C-alpha cells in the first residue's frame, strides 16, 4: 500500500497535490493575517462600538430556520 502512495503514475498527481498545498497555504495566511489585524487594540475598539455581537445574535433565528428548511 505504501508503495502505491509514493509512486506517481503521471505528473497530474503531483500537480494536484501542489495546487492543494498552495490553496491551503494561502487560506492559512489569510486567517493568520486577519488574526494579526483583529488583535490590535484600535480594531477591537472599532468592532466593539459596531455591535458585531448583536448582529450575530439577531441572525441566529434565521440560521436555525434555514437549517430546518434544509432538513425537510
Protein backbone atom coordinates (compact mmCIF):
# COMPACT_ATOMS: atom_id res chain seq x y z
CA UNK A 1 0.00 0.00 0.00
CA UNK A 2 2.75 2.48 0.86
CA UNK A 3 4.46 1.83 -2.46
CA UNK A 4 1.26 2.76 -4.25
CA UNK A 5 1.10 6.04 -2.39
CA UNK A 6 4.69 7.00 -3.14
CA UNK A 7 4.65 6.19 -6.85
CA UNK A 8 3.18 8.70 -9.25
CA UNK A 9 1.81 7.37 -12.49
CA UNK A 10 1.97 10.75 -14.19
CA UNK A 11 2.52 14.43 -13.48
CA UNK A 12 -1.14 15.13 -12.71
CA UNK A 13 -0.95 13.66 -9.20
CA UNK A 14 1.94 15.94 -8.27
CA UNK A 15 0.24 18.95 -9.85
CA UNK A 16 -2.98 18.38 -7.90
CA UNK A 17 -1.06 17.96 -4.63
CA UNK A 18 0.88 21.15 -5.30
CA UNK A 19 -2.29 23.10 -6.09
CA UNK A 20 -3.93 21.85 -2.90
CA UNK A 21 -0.87 22.82 -0.88
CA UNK A 22 -0.90 26.34 -2.36
CA UNK A 23 -4.64 26.70 -1.68
CA UNK A 24 -4.37 25.61 1.95
CA UNK A 25 -1.24 27.69 2.48
CA UNK A 26 -2.98 30.77 1.11
CA UNK A 27 -6.02 30.19 3.32
CA UNK A 28 -3.75 29.82 6.35
CA UNK A 29 -2.02 33.10 5.51
CA UNK A 30 -5.37 34.89 5.20
CA UNK A 31 -6.54 33.59 8.59
CA UNK A 32 -3.21 34.49 10.21
CA UNK A 33 -3.27 37.99 8.70
CA UNK A 34 -6.85 38.59 9.81
CA UNK A 35 -5.88 37.47 13.32
CA UNK A 36 -2.99 39.92 13.38
CA UNK A 37 -5.20 42.77 12.24
CA UNK A 38 -8.01 41.97 14.65
CA UNK A 39 -5.64 41.62 17.60
CA UNK A 40 -4.72 45.31 17.58
CA UNK A 41 -6.42 47.40 20.28
CA UNK A 42 -7.63 50.00 17.78
CA UNK A 43 -9.52 47.39 15.74
CA UNK A 44 -11.02 45.93 18.90
CA UNK A 45 -12.41 49.36 19.78
CA UNK A 46 -13.90 49.81 16.31
CA UNK A 47 -15.52 46.38 16.34
CA UNK A 48 -16.71 46.80 19.93
CA UNK A 49 -18.53 50.00 19.02
CA UNK A 50 -20.11 48.49 15.92
CA UNK A 51 -22.05 45.90 17.91
CA UNK A 52 -20.99 42.84 15.90
CA UNK A 53 -22.22 40.56 18.69
CA UNK A 54 -25.72 41.98 18.39
CA UNK A 55 -25.78 41.28 14.68
CA UNK A 56 -24.78 37.68 15.23
CA UNK A 57 -27.46 37.19 17.88
CA UNK A 58 -30.06 38.65 15.53
CA UNK A 59 -29.02 36.24 12.75
CA UNK A 60 -29.26 33.06 14.84
CA UNK A 61 -33.06 32.58 14.43
CA UNK A 62 -32.75 32.97 10.65
CA UNK A 63 -29.93 30.44 10.56
CA UNK A 64 -31.95 27.94 12.62
CA UNK A 65 -34.91 28.41 10.27
CA UNK A 66 -32.62 27.77 7.29
CA UNK A 67 -31.38 24.54 8.85
CA UNK A 68 -34.96 23.36 9.45
CA UNK A 69 -35.93 24.08 5.85
CA UNK A 70 -32.83 22.34 4.56
CA UNK A 71 -33.55 19.17 6.57
CA UNK A 72 -37.03 18.82 5.04
